[in-house]
Amino acid sequence: MGLHEKTEISAEIMAMLEEVYDPELGINIVDLGLIYGVQCTEGTAKITMTLTTPGCPMHDMLVGGVKRAVAGLPGIRDVQVQVVWEPQWSPEQMSDEAKEWLGYL
């Protein structure tokens, strides 16, 4: 199973993650390119993500937002979020919409 495995539930999880916004930038975490992987096995959703910078003051708020957004999905009993620093986030990971919003395009 690879990055963003293509299952119905992982698609639903990604859709819910689009509702989690970085409050400083006003862009959702999917468009920011912060989500590195989504897996769901036997009711446990495992999300691998990063933040724009180590020591980000929004760490707890964003991780909590991810857990709350995904926990509401039918069949999800547990949400595990792993914050990783490799590969390091860069603006190139953002969607074109996010790049345009932030003036990168």
C-alpha atoms as a PDB file:
ATOM      1  CA  MET A   1       0.000   0.000   0.000  1.00  0.00           C
ATOM      2  CA  GLY A   2       1.543   3.254  -1.087  1.00  0.00           C
ATOM      3  CA  LEU A   3       1.218   6.922  -0.493  1.00  0.00           C
ATOM      4  CA  HIS A   4      -2.441   7.988  -0.618  1.00  0.00           C
ATOM      5  CA  GLU A   5      -3.614   4.436  -1.273  1.00  0.00           C
ATOM      6  CA  LYS A   6      -6.612   4.558  -3.579  1.00  0.00           C
ATOM      7  CA  THR A   7      -9.512   3.264  -1.559  1.00  0.00           C
ATOM      8  CA  GLU A   8     -12.908   4.750  -0.961  1.00  0.00           C
ATOM      9  CA  ILE A   9     -12.184   5.390   2.712  1.00  0.00           C
ATOM     10  CA  SER A  10      -8.813   7.017   2.021  1.00  0.00           C
ATOM     11  CA  ALA A  11     -10.538   9.304  -0.496  1.00  0.00           C
ATOM     12  CA  GLU A  12     -13.095  10.198   2.194  1.00  0.00           C
ATOM     13  CA  ILE A  13     -10.268  10.865   4.662  1.00  0.00           C
ATOM     14  CA  MET A  14      -8.518  13.160   2.174  1.00  0.00           C
ATOM     15  CA  ALA A  15     -11.802  15.014   1.611  1.00  0.00           C
ATOM     16  CA  MET A  16     -12.172  15.547   5.368  1.00  0.00           C
ATOM     17  CA  LEU A  17      -8.558  16.743   5.616  1.00  0.00           C
ATOM     18  CA  GLU A  18      -9.358  19.443   3.062  1.00  0.00           C
ATOM     19  CA  GLU A  19     -11.525  20.951   5.818  1.00  0.00           C
ATOM     20  CA  VAL A  20      -8.511  21.410   8.136  1.00  0.00           C
ATOM     21  CA  TYR A  21      -6.951  24.832   7.599  1.00  0.00           C
ATOM     22  CA  ASP A  22      -3.634  26.291   8.632  1.00  0.00           C
ATOM     23  CA  PRO A  23      -4.887  29.326  10.556  1.00  0.00           C
ATOM     24  CA  GLU A  24      -1.820  31.415   9.761  1.00  0.00           C
ATOM     25  CA  LEU A  25      -1.999  30.874   5.995  1.00  0.00           C
ATOM     26  CA  GLY A  26      -5.749  30.322   5.534  1.00  0.00           C
ATOM     27  CA  ILE A  27      -5.172  27.318   3.260  1.00  0.00           C
ATOM     28  CA  ASN A  28      -6.160  23.723   3.901  1.00  0.00           C
ATOM     29  CA  ILE A  29      -3.451  21.226   4.798  1.00  0.00           C
ATOM     30  CA  VAL A  30      -4.013  19.116   1.674  1.00  0.00           C
ATOM     31  CA  ASP A  31      -3.436  22.046  -0.687  1.00  0.00           C
ATOM     32  CA  LEU A  32      -0.422  23.058   1.386  1.00  0.00           C
ATOM     33  CA  GLY A  33       1.088  19.648   0.660  1.00  0.00           C
ATOM     34  CA  LEU A  34       1.346  18.700   4.329  1.00  0.00           C
ATOM     35  CA  ILE A  35      -0.276  15.267   3.933  1.00  0.00           C
ATOM     36  CA  TYR A  36       2.296  12.637   2.969  1.00  0.00           C
ATOM     37  CA  GLY A  37       0.223   9.490   3.385  1.00  0.00           C
ATOM     38  CA  VAL A  38      -3.182   8.113   4.325  1.00  0.00           C
ATOM     39  CA  GLN A  39      -3.916   4.505   5.182  1.00  0.00           C
ATOM     40  CA  CYS A  40      -6.908   2.864   6.776  1.00  0.00           C
ATOM     41  CA  THR A  41      -6.819  -0.649   8.174  1.00  0.00           C
ATOM     42  CA  GLU A  42      -9.518  -2.285  10.276  1.00  0.00           C
ATOM     43  CA  GLY A  43     -11.012   1.011  11.437  1.00  0.00           C
ATOM     44  CA  THR A  44      -7.691   2.704  12.194  1.00  0.00           C
ATOM     45  CA  ALA A  45      -6.810   5.710  10.064  1.00  0.00           C
ATOM     46  CA  LYS A  46      -3.083   6.421   9.882  1.00  0.00           C
ATOM     47  CA  ILE A  47      -2.120   9.823   8.566  1.00  0.00           C
ATOM     48  CA  THR A  48       1.475  10.787   7.889  1.00  0.00           C
ATOM     49  CA  MET A  49       1.979  14.524   7.626  1.00  0.00           C
ATOM     50  CA  THR A  50       4.484  17.279   8.066  1.00  0.00           C
ATOM     51  CA  LEU A  51       4.364  20.935   8.997  1.00  0.00           C
ATOM     52  CA  THR A  52       5.803  23.901   7.171  1.00  0.00           C
ATOM     53  CA  THR A  53       8.574  24.266   9.774  1.00  0.00           C
ATOM     54  CA  PRO A  54       9.868  22.250  12.727  1.00  0.00           C
ATOM     55  CA  GLY A  55       8.657  23.844  15.935  1.00  0.00           C
ATOM     56  CA  CYS A  56       5.576  25.192  14.178  1.00  0.00           C
ATOM     57  CA  PRO A  57       3.397  26.863  16.841  1.00  0.00           C
ATOM     58  CA  MET A  58       0.306  25.348  15.191  1.00  0.00           C
ATOM     59  CA  HIS A  59       1.536  21.738  15.657  1.00  0.00           C
ATOM     60  CA  ASP A  60      -0.957  20.675  18.319  1.00  0.00           C
ATOM     61  CA  MET A  61      -3.837  22.556  16.742  1.00  0.00           C
ATOM     62  CA  LEU A  62      -3.271  21.029  13.282  1.00  0.00           C
ATOM     63  CA  VAL A  63      -2.780  17.489  14.596  1.00  0.00           C
ATOM     64  CA  GLY A  64      -5.912  17.876  16.725  1.00  0.00           C
ATOM     65  CA  GLY A  65      -7.819  19.198  13.719  1.00  0.00           C
ATOM     66  CA  VAL A  66      -6.761  16.173  11.668  1.00  0.00           C
ATOM     67  CA  LYS A  67      -7.897  13.784  14.398  1.00  0.00           C
ATOM     68  CA  ARG A  68     -11.255  15.520  14.821  1.00  0.00           C
ATOM     69  CA  ALA A  69     -11.929  15.707  11.081  1.00  0.00           C
ATOM     70  CA  VAL A  70     -11.222  12.035  10.447  1.00  0.00           C
ATOM     71  CA  ALA A  71     -12.734  10.624  13.658  1.00  0.00           C
ATOM     72  CA  GLY A  72     -16.210  11.582  12.460  1.00  0.00           C
ATOM     73  CA  LEU A  73     -16.103   9.251   9.462  1.00  0.00           C
ATOM     74  CA  PRO A  74     -18.221   6.081   9.649  1.00  0.00           C
ATOM     75  CA  GLY A  75     -16.129   3.022  10.450  1.00  0.00           C
ATOM     76  CA  ILE A  76     -13.199   4.960  11.880  1.00  0.00           C
ATOM     77  CA  ARG A  77     -12.513   3.922  15.460  1.00  0.00           C
ATOM     78  CA  ASP A  78      -8.996   5.330  15.891  1.00  0.00           C
ATOM     79  CA  VAL A  79      -6.952   8.085  14.241  1.00  0.00           C
ATOM     80  CA  GLN A  80      -3.182   8.027  14.446  1.00  0.00           C
ATOM     81  CA  VAL A  81      -1.210  11.027  13.206  1.00  0.00           C
ATOM     82  CA  GLN A  82       2.509  10.812  12.643  1.00  0.00           C
ATOM     83  CA  VAL A  83       4.334  14.096  12.044  1.00  0.00           C
ATOM     84  CA  VAL A  84       7.529  13.564  10.054  1.00  0.00           C
ATOM     85  CA  TRP A  85      10.264  15.927   8.940  1.00  0.00           C
ATOM     86  CA  GLU A  86      11.610  13.928   5.999  1.00  0.00           C
ATOM     87  CA  PRO A  87      11.119  14.764   3.288  1.00  0.00           C
ATOM     88  CA  GLN A  88      11.253  18.367   4.389  1.00  0.00           C
ATOM     89  CA  TRP A  89       8.267  20.449   3.293  1.00  0.00           C
ATOM     90  CA  SER A  90       8.809  23.056   0.595  1.00  0.00           C
ATOM     91  CA  PRO A  91       6.480  25.414  -1.282  1.00  0.00           C
ATOM     92  CA  GLU A  92       6.764  23.189  -4.376  1.00  0.00           C
ATOM     93  CA  GLN A  93       4.529  20.659  -2.572  1.00  0.00           C
ATOM     94  CA  MET A  94       1.564  23.046  -2.594  1.00  0.00           C
ATOM     95  CA  SER A  95      -1.280  22.772  -5.065  1.00  0.00           C
ATOM     96  CA  ASP A  96      -1.375  25.355  -7.851  1.00  0.00           C
ATOM     97  CA  GLU A  97      -4.321  27.007  -6.065  1.00  0.00           C
ATOM     98  CA  ALA A  98      -2.309  27.403  -2.861  1.00  0.00           C
ATOM     99  CA  LYS A  99       0.721  28.696  -4.771  1.00  0.00           C
ATOM    100  CA  GLU A 100      -1.447  31.261  -6.514  1.00  0.00           C
ATOM    101  CA  TRP A 101      -3.109  32.307  -3.244  1.00  0.00           C
ATOM    102  CA  LEU A 102       0.289  32.820  -1.599  1.00  0.00           C
ATOM    103  CA  GLY A 103       1.815  34.543  -4.624  1.00  0.00           C
ATOM    104  CA  TYR A 104       4.128  31.762  -5.807  1.00  0.00           C
ATOM    105  CA  LEU A 105       2.525  31.762  -9.288  1.00  0.00           C
END
